[in-house]
Protein backbone atom coordinates (compact mmCIF):
# COMPACT_ATOMS: atom_id res chain seq x y z
CA MET A 1 -0.51 -0.20 0.22
CA LYS A 2 1.39 3.90 -0.97
CA LYS A 3 1.43 5.94 1.85
CA LYS A 4 0.72 9.70 1.28
CA ASN A 5 3.12 12.55 1.22
CA LEU A 6 2.47 14.68 5.61
CA ALA A 7 5.29 16.31 4.41
CA ALA A 8 3.63 20.05 5.77
CA GLU A 9 3.69 22.99 2.89
CA PRO A 10 6.75 25.27 2.90
CA ARG A 11 6.13 28.71 5.10
CA ALA A 12 6.27 31.35 2.22
CA TYR A 13 7.87 34.37 3.48
CA TRP A 14 5.24 37.47 2.44
CA THR A 15 7.73 41.28 1.26
CA PRO A 16 5.34 43.87 1.63
CA PRO A 17 5.87 44.45 -2.07
CA MET A 18 5.18 41.29 -2.99
CA GLU A 19 1.50 41.87 -0.63
CA GLU A 20 1.04 44.80 -2.55
CA TYR A 21 1.49 42.88 -5.45
CA LEU A 22 -0.87 40.81 -4.71
CA VAL A 23 -3.19 43.37 -4.16
CA ASP A 24 -2.45 45.07 -7.54
CA ILE A 25 -3.65 41.45 -9.15
CA LEU A 26 -6.84 40.87 -7.24
CA LEU A 27 -8.45 44.97 -7.89
CA ALA A 28 -6.71 44.26 -11.05
CA GLU A 29 -8.98 41.88 -11.99
CA ALA A 30 -11.76 43.60 -9.88
CA LYS A 31 -12.17 46.65 -11.70
CA GLU A 32 -12.81 44.44 -15.41
CA GLY A 33 -16.09 43.74 -13.61
CA LYS A 34 -15.55 40.35 -12.03
CA SER A 35 -17.56 38.79 -9.08
CA ALA A 36 -16.09 37.64 -6.19
CA ARG A 37 -15.72 34.26 -7.35
CA VAL A 38 -13.44 34.36 -9.72
CA VAL A 39 -11.00 38.25 -8.01
CA PHE A 40 -10.74 35.36 -5.26
CA GLY A 41 -11.09 31.89 -7.10
CA LYS A 42 -8.37 29.28 -7.97
CA GLY A 43 -8.28 30.46 -11.53
CA THR A 44 -6.74 33.46 -10.02
CA GLY A 45 -5.00 32.20 -7.38
CA GLN A 46 -2.62 30.46 -9.70
CA ALA A 47 -1.93 33.06 -11.73
CA ALA A 48 -1.49 35.03 -8.74
CA ALA A 49 1.42 33.11 -7.94
CA GLY A 50 2.99 31.94 -10.85
CA LYS A 51 3.46 36.26 -11.39
CA ILE A 52 5.29 37.07 -8.36
CA ASN A 53 7.20 34.31 -7.96
CA GLU A 54 8.62 35.68 -11.43
CA LYS A 55 9.36 38.49 -10.65
CA PHE A 56 10.29 38.39 -6.65
CA THR A 57 11.95 34.61 -7.43
CA PRO A 58 11.04 33.82 -3.29
CA VAL A 59 12.65 32.11 -1.18
CA VAL A 60 10.18 29.64 -0.71
CA THR A 61 7.67 29.18 -4.07
CA ILE A 62 5.05 30.58 -3.55
CA THR A 63 1.42 27.90 -4.13
CA THR A 64 -2.11 28.68 -5.01
CA LYS A 65 -2.02 27.78 -0.92
CA HIS A 66 0.16 29.93 -0.26
CA ILE A 67 -2.13 33.19 -1.91
CA ARG A 68 -5.24 31.77 -0.18
CA ASN A 69 -4.21 31.39 3.09
CA LYS A 70 -2.74 35.78 2.49
CA VAL A 71 -6.00 36.70 1.08
CA VAL A 72 -7.80 35.47 4.52
CA ASN A 73 -5.23 37.55 6.92
CA LEU A 74 -5.71 40.44 4.32
CA LYS A 75 -9.53 40.10 4.66
CA SER A 76 -9.15 39.97 8.68
CA LYS A 77 -6.28 42.72 8.70
CA TYR A 78 -9.05 44.78 6.73
CA ALA A 79 -12.16 43.83 8.76
CA THR A 80 -9.95 45.35 11.62
CA HIS A 81 -9.08 48.18 10.27
CA LEU A 82 -11.70 49.09 9.21
CA ALA A 83 -13.57 48.70 12.11
CA LEU A 84 -11.11 50.90 14.12
CA THR A 85 -12.40 53.76 11.50
CA THR A 86 -15.82 53.90 13.41
CA ALA A 87 -14.95 53.18 16.72
CA GLU A 88 -16.02 55.96 18.74
CA GLY A 89 -12.64 58.05 19.11
CA PHE A 90 -10.64 57.19 16.51
CA SER A 91 -10.01 58.65 13.24
CA TRP A 92 -8.59 58.29 10.12
CA ASP A 93 -6.40 60.53 8.06
CA GLY A 94 -6.52 58.65 5.05
CA GLU A 95 -2.57 57.14 6.25
CA ALA A 96 -2.72 56.13 9.44
CA ILE A 97 -5.62 55.63 12.60
CA THR A 98 -5.13 58.27 15.16
CA ALA A 99 -6.44 58.35 18.95
CA PRO A 100 -5.82 59.46 22.37
CA GLU A 101 -3.66 57.31 24.20
CA GLU A 102 -5.40 56.52 26.77
CA VAL A 103 -8.62 55.28 24.06
CA TRP A 104 -5.80 52.95 22.42
CA ASP A 105 -5.47 51.39 25.92
CA VAL A 106 -8.32 50.89 26.40
CA TYR A 107 -9.32 49.41 23.05
CA VAL A 108 -6.60 46.69 22.99
CA VAL A 109 -7.88 44.67 25.56
CA THR A 110 -11.22 43.86 24.06
CA HIS A 111 -9.49 44.18 20.52
CA PRO A 112 -5.50 42.26 20.94
CA GLY A 113 -5.93 42.40 17.02
CA ALA A 114 -5.89 46.86 16.35
CA ALA A 115 -2.53 46.79 18.38
CA ILE A 116 -1.07 46.15 15.02
CA PHE A 117 -1.78 50.02 13.59
CA TYR A 118 -0.32 52.24 16.27
CA ASP A 119 1.36 54.18 15.21
CA ASN A 120 1.58 52.02 11.90
CA PRO A 121 -0.12 53.50 8.63
CA TRP A 122 -1.52 50.14 6.49
CA ARG A 123 -0.31 51.27 2.84
CA LEU A 124 -2.70 48.71 1.75
CA TYR A 125 -5.75 50.14 3.15
CA GLY A 126 -6.77 52.55 0.23
CA LYS A 127 -6.54 49.74 -2.23
CA LEU A 128 -7.59 47.17 -0.17
CA ARG A 129 -10.79 49.40 0.04
CA GLU A 130 -11.26 50.22 -3.77
CA LEU A 131 -11.12 46.80 -4.37
CA PHE A 132 -13.69 45.69 -1.78
CA GLU A 133 -16.08 48.81 -3.20
CA HIS A 134 -15.80 47.30 -6.65
CA ILE A 135 -17.12 43.45 -5.80
CA HIS A 136 -19.85 45.52 -4.02
CA HIS A 137 -21.20 47.60 -6.70
CA ARG A 138 -20.71 44.26 -8.78
CA ALA A 139 -23.01 41.84 -6.03
CA ALA A 140 -25.51 45.09 -6.09
CA ARG A 141 -25.59 45.91 -9.72
CA PRO A 142 -29.79 45.03 -10.75
CA ALA A 143 -29.78 42.10 -12.48
CA ILE A 144 -30.75 42.40 -16.45
CA PRO A 145 -34.79 42.11 -17.47
CA PRO A 146 -35.67 39.03 -19.11
CA ALA A 147 -36.66 39.80 -22.75
CA PRO A 148 -40.80 40.95 -23.00
CA VAL A 149 -42.79 38.52 -23.56
CA GLU A 150 -45.79 38.79 -26.59
CA PRO A 151 -49.47 39.49 -25.64
CA THR A 152 -51.12 36.24 -26.46
CA PRO A 153 -53.97 37.08 -28.36
CA ALA A 154 -57.20 37.89 -26.77
CA PRO A 155 -60.53 35.50 -27.45
CA SER A 156 -63.32 36.54 -28.83
CA PRO A 157 -65.77 38.45 -26.89
CA SER A 158 -68.77 35.80 -26.17
CA PRO A 159 -72.76 36.46 -25.93
CA PRO A 160 -73.21 38.47 -22.79
CA PRO A 161 -74.92 36.42 -20.18
CA PRO A 162 -79.09 36.10 -19.66
CA PRO A 163 -79.47 38.56 -16.43
CA PRO A 164 -80.30 37.12 -13.79
CA PRO A 165 -84.18 37.91 -12.44
CA PRO A 166 -86.21 39.51 -10.09
CA PRO A 167 -86.15 39.90 -6.79
CA PRO A 168 -88.76 38.03 -4.74
CA ALA A 169 -90.85 40.30 -3.54
CA ALA A 170 -90.21 42.18 -0.71
CA THR A 171 -91.58 40.77 2.83
CA ILE A 172 -92.59 42.83 6.22
CA THR A 173 -90.87 40.59 9.23
CA LYS A 174 -92.69 41.49 12.10
CA HIS A 175 -90.12 41.48 15.01
CA GLU A 176 -90.61 40.98 18.28
CA PRO A 177 -89.34 42.39 21.16
CA THR A 178 -86.49 41.50 22.97
CA ASN A 179 -84.46 42.39 26.05
CA ASP A 180 -81.34 42.08 24.43
CA PRO A 181 -79.35 45.82 24.83
CA PRO A 182 -79.73 48.29 22.77
CA PRO A 183 -76.39 48.82 20.35
CA ASN A 184 -73.64 50.58 21.67
CA PRO A 185 -73.72 54.43 19.07
CA PHE A 186 -69.96 55.23 20.06
CA PRO A 187 -67.73 51.61 19.54
CA THR A 188 -64.45 51.77 20.61
CA PRO A 189 -61.98 52.59 18.23
CA THR A 190 -59.55 50.17 17.32
CA THR A 191 -55.76 50.39 16.88
CA SER A 192 -54.05 49.38 13.71
CA PRO A 193 -50.73 47.78 14.75
CA PRO A 194 -47.51 49.43 14.77
CA ASP A 195 -45.45 49.75 11.32
CA PRO A 196 -43.11 48.27 10.64
CA ALA A 197 -40.79 50.21 9.09
CA SER A 198 -40.85 52.31 12.46
CA LYS A 199 -38.33 50.52 13.26
CA GLY A 200 -36.28 50.92 10.31
CA GLU A 201 -36.95 54.80 9.83
CA LEU A 202 -35.65 55.50 14.20
CA ALA A 203 -32.39 53.11 13.36
CA ILE A 204 -31.60 55.54 10.04
CA ARG A 205 -32.49 58.71 12.29
CA ALA A 206 -29.99 57.29 15.11
CA LEU A 207 -26.87 56.15 12.27
CA GLN A 208 -27.01 59.35 10.93
CA ALA A 209 -26.69 61.61 14.22
CA ALA A 210 -24.44 58.91 15.50
CA TYR A 211 -22.06 58.02 12.75
CA ALA A 212 -22.08 61.58 10.70
CA HIS A 213 -18.37 60.97 10.31
CA LEU A 214 -19.40 57.55 7.94
CA ASP A 215 -18.30 57.98 4.10
CA ASP A 216 -20.88 57.43 1.96
CA TRP A 217 -21.06 54.32 0.47
CA ASN A 218 -20.26 52.74 3.64
CA MET A 219 -23.78 55.34 5.03
CA VAL A 220 -25.14 53.87 1.84
CA VAL A 221 -24.35 49.63 3.16
CA ALA A 222 -25.98 51.15 6.51
CA PHE A 223 -28.84 52.69 5.76
CA THR A 224 -29.38 49.13 3.68
CA LEU A 225 -28.38 47.30 7.27
CA MET A 226 -31.43 49.43 9.47
CA GLU A 227 -34.03 47.74 5.96
CA ASP A 228 -33.94 44.28 8.51
CA ALA A 229 -36.03 44.76 11.44
CA ALA A 230 -33.98 42.58 12.93
CA LYS A 231 -31.18 44.21 13.18
CA ALA A 232 -32.71 47.39 13.20
CA SER A 233 -34.11 47.15 16.52
CA VAL A 234 -30.41 45.13 17.63
CA PHE A 235 -29.42 49.19 16.51
CA LEU A 236 -31.19 51.42 18.89
CA ALA A 237 -31.56 48.75 21.95
CA MET A 238 -27.92 49.26 22.01
CA ASN A 239 -26.01 51.65 24.11
CA SER A 240 -23.61 54.12 22.30
CA GLY A 241 -20.20 52.68 22.11
CA PRO A 242 -17.13 50.95 21.49
CA VAL A 243 -19.69 47.62 21.50
CA ARG A 244 -21.42 48.85 18.87
CA ASP A 245 -19.47 50.98 16.54
CA LYS A 246 -17.58 47.56 16.66
CA TRP A 247 -21.41 45.34 15.40
CA LEU A 248 -21.74 47.80 13.13
CA ALA A 249 -18.36 47.33 11.41
CA LEU A 250 -18.96 43.96 11.55
CA GLN A 251 -22.51 44.29 9.98
CA ILE A 252 -21.34 45.69 7.39
CA VAL A 253 -18.21 44.43 6.01
CA HIS A 254 -20.10 41.30 5.84
CA GLU A 255 -23.54 42.58 4.08
CA LYS A 256 -20.57 44.06 1.32
CA PHE A 257 -18.46 41.28 1.20
CA CYS A 258 -20.31 37.89 2.46
CA ALA A 259 -23.25 36.93 0.08
CA GLU A 260 -21.02 36.61 -2.81
CA LEU A 261 -17.72 35.05 -1.48
CA LYS A 262 -20.31 32.11 -0.18
CA GLY A 263 -20.64 31.13 -4.17
CA ALA A 264 -17.14 30.99 -3.83
CA ALA A 265 -16.13 28.00 -0.81
CA ALA A 266 -15.17 25.43 -3.63
CA GLY A 267 -12.03 26.22 -4.03
CA VAL A 268 -12.17 29.75 -3.29
CA VAL A 269 -8.50 31.10 -3.01
CA GLY A 270 -9.64 33.51 -0.73
CA GLY A 271 -12.05 31.67 1.43
């Protein structure tokens, strides 16, 4: 019986130029209007591995598996960075995340992965943001309407039905007096159930008041989230602060990318 080779694949050593070159390859695919299934698919991963090996000649040859693992790592870092840009007390000046020292100290206790961005600009954030926005725009594009169907000609009109028979002659029925109470001339008005859309409207107003610093696209995605009555209720129930900021940031990332990435599970390079 032939034994399987259980030797682990050697670990790749990624330099910042190699990471940026990989992101450039994925961004070029997205700019051509390709779906997440293609951008993060096996074919793109194989092509990217070949280009990186040819350009950089790394010590360890880059494989499709290395590409997949690196994309997973970049997605995780992007989600953490995105959450920081919307967290209370933090701001992004286009290059680096800034916040007072005491705000950083409190935040990294519950978000230790964010410590890598302390006083450390991440040059790939802008390109990754552009990459995921291209994918989101494509996913949000309306479907092509079906071709119009030729109307079926109406059948020829049938003769009109005969007139109904005349109603029977009215009869006068004598009603015996009863002891039933007379009808209430002022019935109790019934209250209609609350408008289910009111939760979403309240959530959107709260969004605009508390998150006016969000850019247009992130605000649009947040509005879309609040169309879900359950998510709108959760958002309204949470107190303002880091927990709600983190929840909203993760919901925005999920809304943007996860819907279309579900179909890429088998053979996804960025799974």
